[in-house]
């Protein structure tokens, strides 16, 4: 019975000795949880910015294609005139 009492006394001393470490682990766990919540918020913002960037990229591509199409439409009559004049010059010679 004395040995059992001594065992419980030793166990109590070990628990008291380890209590600051357990408290520190719990505090660190709470910090990790808070950091994960903040990281999820940051990731949500990053996803929104990436989607916005992709939309803007497609709009820029559309504008460039329209500008190239307009440039082609403006230049095609001149190109056909140049081709016709070259053809006329060849038939005259």
N, C-alpha and C. Protein backbone atom coordinates (compact mmCIF):
# COMPACT_ATOMS: atom_id res chain seq x y z
N UNK A 1 0.80 -1.19 0.00
CA UNK A 1 0.00 0.00 0.00
C UNK A 1 0.85 1.26 0.00
N UNK A 2 1.97 1.20 0.69
CA UNK A 2 2.89 2.33 0.73
C UNK A 2 3.48 2.57 -0.65
N UNK A 3 3.77 1.48 -1.34
CA UNK A 3 4.33 1.61 -2.70
C UNK A 3 3.32 2.27 -3.64
N UNK A 4 2.06 1.92 -3.47
CA UNK A 4 1.03 2.53 -4.30
C UNK A 4 0.91 4.01 -4.00
N UNK A 5 0.98 4.38 -2.74
CA UNK A 5 0.93 5.79 -2.36
C UNK A 5 2.14 6.53 -2.94
N UNK A 6 3.31 5.91 -2.87
CA UNK A 6 4.52 6.52 -3.43
C UNK A 6 4.39 6.69 -4.94
N UNK A 7 3.78 5.71 -5.59
CA UNK A 7 3.58 5.77 -7.03
C UNK A 7 2.67 6.94 -7.40
N UNK A 8 1.60 7.12 -6.63
CA UNK A 8 0.71 8.24 -6.90
C UNK A 8 1.38 9.57 -6.60
N UNK A 9 2.19 9.64 -5.62
CA UNK A 9 2.93 10.87 -5.29
C UNK A 9 3.91 11.21 -6.42
N UNK A 10 4.61 10.21 -6.92
CA UNK A 10 5.54 10.43 -8.03
C UNK A 10 4.79 10.88 -9.28
N UNK A 11 3.65 10.25 -9.53
CA UNK A 11 2.84 10.60 -10.69
C UNK A 11 2.34 12.04 -10.58
N UNK A 12 1.94 12.45 -9.37
CA UNK A 12 1.50 13.83 -9.15
C UNK A 12 2.64 14.81 -9.42
N UNK A 13 3.84 14.49 -8.97
CA UNK A 13 4.99 15.35 -9.20
C UNK A 13 5.29 15.48 -10.70
N UNK A 14 5.18 14.38 -11.42
CA UNK A 14 5.43 14.42 -12.86
C UNK A 14 4.38 15.27 -13.57
N UNK A 15 3.10 15.12 -13.18
CA UNK A 15 2.02 15.91 -13.79
C UNK A 15 2.24 17.39 -13.52
N UNK A 16 2.59 17.75 -12.30
CA UNK A 16 2.84 19.14 -11.96
C UNK A 16 4.04 19.67 -12.76
N UNK A 17 5.05 18.85 -12.91
CA UNK A 17 6.25 19.24 -13.64
C UNK A 17 5.93 19.45 -15.13
N UNK A 18 5.06 18.64 -15.70
CA UNK A 18 4.74 18.71 -17.12
C UNK A 18 3.64 19.72 -17.46
N UNK A 19 2.97 20.27 -16.46
CA UNK A 19 1.85 21.17 -16.72
C UNK A 19 2.22 22.38 -17.56
N UNK A 20 3.35 23.07 -17.31
CA UNK A 20 3.68 24.22 -18.17
C UNK A 20 3.89 23.81 -19.64
N UNK A 21 4.47 22.62 -19.86
CA UNK A 21 4.66 22.16 -21.23
C UNK A 21 3.33 21.90 -21.91
N UNK A 22 2.40 21.29 -21.20
CA UNK A 22 1.08 21.02 -21.76
C UNK A 22 0.35 22.33 -22.05
N UNK A 23 0.46 23.28 -21.15
CA UNK A 23 -0.17 24.59 -21.37
C UNK A 23 0.43 25.27 -22.59
N UNK A 24 1.74 25.18 -22.75
CA UNK A 24 2.40 25.77 -23.91
C UNK A 24 1.95 25.10 -25.20
N UNK A 25 1.80 23.79 -25.17
CA UNK A 25 1.34 23.06 -26.35
C UNK A 25 -0.09 23.49 -26.71
N UNK A 26 -0.93 23.65 -25.71
CA UNK A 26 -2.30 24.09 -25.97
C UNK A 26 -2.31 25.50 -26.57
N UNK A 27 -1.47 26.38 -26.05
CA UNK A 27 -1.39 27.75 -26.57
C UNK A 27 -0.91 27.74 -28.03
N UNK A 28 0.09 26.95 -28.31
CA UNK A 28 0.60 26.85 -29.68
C UNK A 28 -0.46 26.28 -30.62
N UNK A 29 -1.22 25.31 -30.13
CA UNK A 29 -2.31 24.75 -30.93
C UNK A 29 -3.35 25.80 -31.28
N UNK A 30 -3.67 26.66 -30.33
CA UNK A 30 -4.62 27.74 -30.58
C UNK A 30 -4.06 28.74 -31.59
N UNK A 31 -2.77 29.04 -31.49
CA UNK A 31 -2.12 29.94 -32.46
C UNK A 31 -2.17 29.34 -33.87
N UNK A 32 -1.94 28.04 -33.97
CA UNK A 32 -2.00 27.36 -35.26
C UNK A 32 -3.40 27.46 -35.84
N UNK A 33 -4.41 27.26 -35.01
CA UNK A 33 -5.79 27.34 -35.48
C UNK A 33 -6.09 28.74 -36.00
N UNK A 34 -5.66 29.77 -35.26
CA UNK A 34 -5.89 31.16 -35.70
C UNK A 34 -5.15 31.44 -37.01
N UNK A 35 -3.94 30.92 -37.15
CA UNK A 35 -3.18 31.14 -38.38
C UNK A 35 -3.82 30.44 -39.57
N UNK A 36 -4.41 29.26 -39.32
CA UNK A 36 -5.09 28.55 -40.41
C UNK A 36 -6.31 29.34 -40.87
N UNK A 37 -7.04 29.92 -39.92
CA UNK A 37 -8.21 30.73 -40.29
C UNK A 37 -7.77 31.94 -41.12
N UNK A 38 -6.69 32.61 -40.69
CA UNK A 38 -6.18 33.75 -41.45
C UNK A 38 -5.70 33.32 -42.83
N UNK A 39 -5.05 32.18 -42.91
CA UNK A 39 -4.56 31.69 -44.20
C UNK A 39 -5.73 31.40 -45.14
N UNK A 40 -6.81 30.85 -44.62
CA UNK A 40 -7.98 30.58 -45.47
C UNK A 40 -8.56 31.88 -46.01
N UNK A 41 -8.57 32.93 -45.21
CA UNK A 41 -9.04 34.23 -45.67
C UNK A 41 -8.12 34.75 -46.78
N UNK A 42 -6.82 34.64 -46.58
CA UNK A 42 -5.86 35.09 -47.58
C UNK A 42 -6.00 34.30 -48.88
N UNK A 43 -6.20 33.00 -48.78
CA UNK A 43 -6.36 32.17 -49.97
C UNK A 43 -7.62 32.56 -50.72
N UNK A 44 -8.69 32.86 -49.99
CA UNK A 44 -9.92 33.31 -50.64
C UNK A 44 -9.69 34.59 -51.43
N UNK A 45 -8.95 35.52 -50.85
CA UNK A 45 -8.63 36.77 -51.56
C UNK A 45 -7.77 36.51 -52.78
N UNK A 46 -6.82 35.60 -52.65
CA UNK A 46 -5.94 35.27 -53.78
C UNK A 46 -6.72 34.64 -54.92
N UNK A 47 -7.69 33.80 -54.59
CA UNK A 47 -8.52 33.18 -55.62
C UNK A 47 -9.32 34.24 -56.37
N UNK A 48 -9.89 35.18 -55.64
CA UNK A 48 -10.65 36.26 -56.28
C UNK A 48 -9.76 37.09 -57.20
N UNK A 49 -8.56 37.41 -56.74
CA UNK A 49 -7.64 38.19 -57.57
C UNK A 49 -7.22 37.42 -58.81
N UNK A 50 -7.01 36.11 -58.69
CA UNK A 50 -6.63 35.30 -59.84
C UNK A 50 -7.78 35.25 -60.85
N UNK A 51 -9.00 35.12 -60.38
CA UNK A 51 -10.14 35.11 -61.30
C UNK A 51 -10.27 36.44 -62.01
N UNK A 52 -10.08 37.52 -61.27
CA UNK A 52 -10.14 38.85 -61.87
C UNK A 52 -9.05 39.02 -62.93
N UNK A 53 -7.84 38.54 -62.62
CA UNK A 53 -6.73 38.62 -63.57
C UNK A 53 -7.04 37.85 -64.84
N UNK A 54 -7.62 36.66 -64.67
CA UNK A 54 -7.95 35.85 -65.84
C UNK A 54 -9.02 36.53 -66.70
N UNK A 55 -10.03 37.14 -66.07
CA UNK A 55 -11.05 37.86 -66.83
C UNK A 55 -10.42 39.01 -67.61
N UNK A 56 -9.54 39.75 -66.96
CA UNK A 56 -8.89 40.88 -67.63
C UNK A 56 -8.01 40.40 -68.79
N UNK A 57 -7.38 39.27 -68.61
CA UNK A 57 -6.54 38.71 -69.67
C UNK A 57 -7.38 38.39 -70.90
N UNK A 58 -8.57 37.79 -70.70
CA UNK A 58 -9.44 37.47 -71.82
C UNK A 58 -9.97 38.74 -72.49
N UNK A 59 -10.29 39.77 -71.69
CA UNK A 59 -10.74 41.03 -72.27
C UNK A 59 -9.62 41.66 -73.12
N UNK A 60 -8.39 41.61 -72.64
CA UNK A 60 -7.27 42.15 -73.40
C UNK A 60 -7.09 41.39 -74.71
N UNK A 61 -7.21 40.07 -74.67
CA UNK A 61 -7.10 39.28 -75.89
C UNK A 61 -8.21 39.65 -76.87
N UNK A 62 -9.43 39.84 -76.39
CA UNK A 62 -10.53 40.23 -77.25
C UNK A 62 -10.27 41.58 -77.90
N UNK A 63 -9.78 42.53 -77.13
CA UNK A 63 -9.49 43.87 -77.67
C UNK A 63 -8.39 43.80 -78.72
N UNK A 64 -7.35 43.02 -78.46
CA UNK A 64 -6.26 42.88 -79.43
C UNK A 64 -6.77 42.24 -80.71
N UNK A 65 -7.59 41.21 -80.59
CA UNK A 65 -8.14 40.55 -81.79
C UNK A 65 -9.02 41.52 -82.59
N UNK A 66 -9.84 42.31 -81.90
CA UNK A 66 -10.68 43.28 -82.60
C UNK A 66 -9.83 44.34 -83.29
N UNK A 67 -8.77 44.78 -82.63
CA UNK A 67 -7.88 45.77 -83.26
C UNK A 67 -7.20 45.18 -84.49
N UNK A 68 -6.76 43.94 -84.40
CA UNK A 68 -6.14 43.30 -85.55
C UNK A 68 -7.15 43.11 -86.69
N UNK A 69 -8.37 42.74 -86.34
CA UNK A 69 -9.41 42.61 -87.35
C UNK A 69 -9.72 43.94 -88.00
N UNK A 70 -9.81 45.01 -87.25
CA UNK A 70 -10.05 46.34 -87.78
C UNK A 70 -8.90 46.77 -88.68
N UNK A 71 -7.69 46.51 -88.23
CA UNK A 71 -6.53 46.85 -89.04
C UNK A 71 -6.53 46.07 -90.35
N UNK A 72 -6.90 44.81 -90.30
CA UNK A 72 -6.99 44.00 -91.52
C UNK A 72 -8.06 44.56 -92.46
N UNK A 73 -9.22 44.94 -91.90
CA UNK A 73 -10.29 45.49 -92.73
C UNK A 73 -9.88 46.81 -93.36
N UNK A 74 -9.15 47.61 -92.65
CA UNK A 74 -8.71 48.90 -93.19
C UNK A 74 -7.62 48.73 -94.23
N UNK A 75 -6.77 47.73 -94.05
CA UNK A 75 -5.65 47.53 -94.97
C UNK A 75 -6.00 46.68 -96.17
N UNK A 76 -7.03 45.86 -96.09
CA UNK A 76 -7.34 44.94 -97.20
C UNK A 76 -7.73 45.67 -98.49
N UNK A 77 -8.48 46.79 -98.49
CA UNK A 77 -8.74 47.48 -99.76
C UNK A 77 -7.45 48.00 -100.39
N UNK A 78 -6.56 48.48 -99.60
CA UNK A 78 -5.29 48.99 -100.13
C UNK A 78 -4.45 47.86 -100.69
N UNK A 79 -4.49 46.73 -100.03
CA UNK A 79 -3.72 45.59 -100.52
C UNK A 79 -4.29 45.09 -101.84
N UNK A 80 -5.62 45.07 -101.95
CA UNK A 80 -6.22 44.60 -103.20
C UNK A 80 -5.97 45.61 -104.31
N UNK A 81 -5.94 46.91 -104.01
CA UNK A 81 -5.61 47.92 -105.01
C UNK A 81 -4.18 47.75 -105.48
N UNK A 82 -3.27 47.49 -104.55
CA UNK A 82 -1.87 47.29 -104.92
C UNK A 82 -1.72 46.04 -105.77
N UNK A 83 -2.44 45.02 -105.46
CA UNK A 83 -2.38 43.78 -106.24
C UNK A 83 -2.94 44.01 -107.64
N UNK A 84 -4.06 44.73 -107.73
CA UNK A 84 -4.67 45.02 -109.03
C UNK A 84 -3.74 45.89 -109.88
N UNK A 85 -3.09 46.87 -109.29
CA UNK A 85 -2.20 47.74 -110.06
C UNK A 85 -0.98 46.96 -110.53
N UNK A 86 -0.48 46.02 -109.71
CA UNK A 86 0.64 45.19 -110.14
C UNK A 86 0.21 44.28 -111.28
N UNK A 87 -0.99 43.76 -111.23
CA UNK A 87 -1.51 42.90 -112.28
C UNK A 87 -1.67 43.69 -113.57
N UNK A 88 -2.19 44.92 -113.46
CA UNK A 88 -2.36 45.78 -114.63
C UNK A 88 -1.02 46.13 -115.24
N UNK A 89 -0.01 46.36 -114.43
CA UNK A 89 1.31 46.67 -114.94
C UNK A 89 1.90 45.48 -115.70
N UNK A 90 1.64 44.28 -115.21
CA UNK A 90 2.16 43.09 -115.88
C UNK A 90 1.47 42.86 -117.22
N UNK A 91 0.18 43.14 -117.31
CA UNK A 91 -0.54 42.92 -118.56
C UNK A 91 -0.19 43.98 -119.59
N UNK A 92 0.19 45.17 -119.15
CA UNK A 92 0.56 46.23 -120.07
C UNK A 92 1.94 46.02 -120.67
N UNK A 93 2.81 45.35 -119.97
CA UNK A 93 4.16 45.19 -120.48
C UNK A 93 4.28 44.16 -121.49
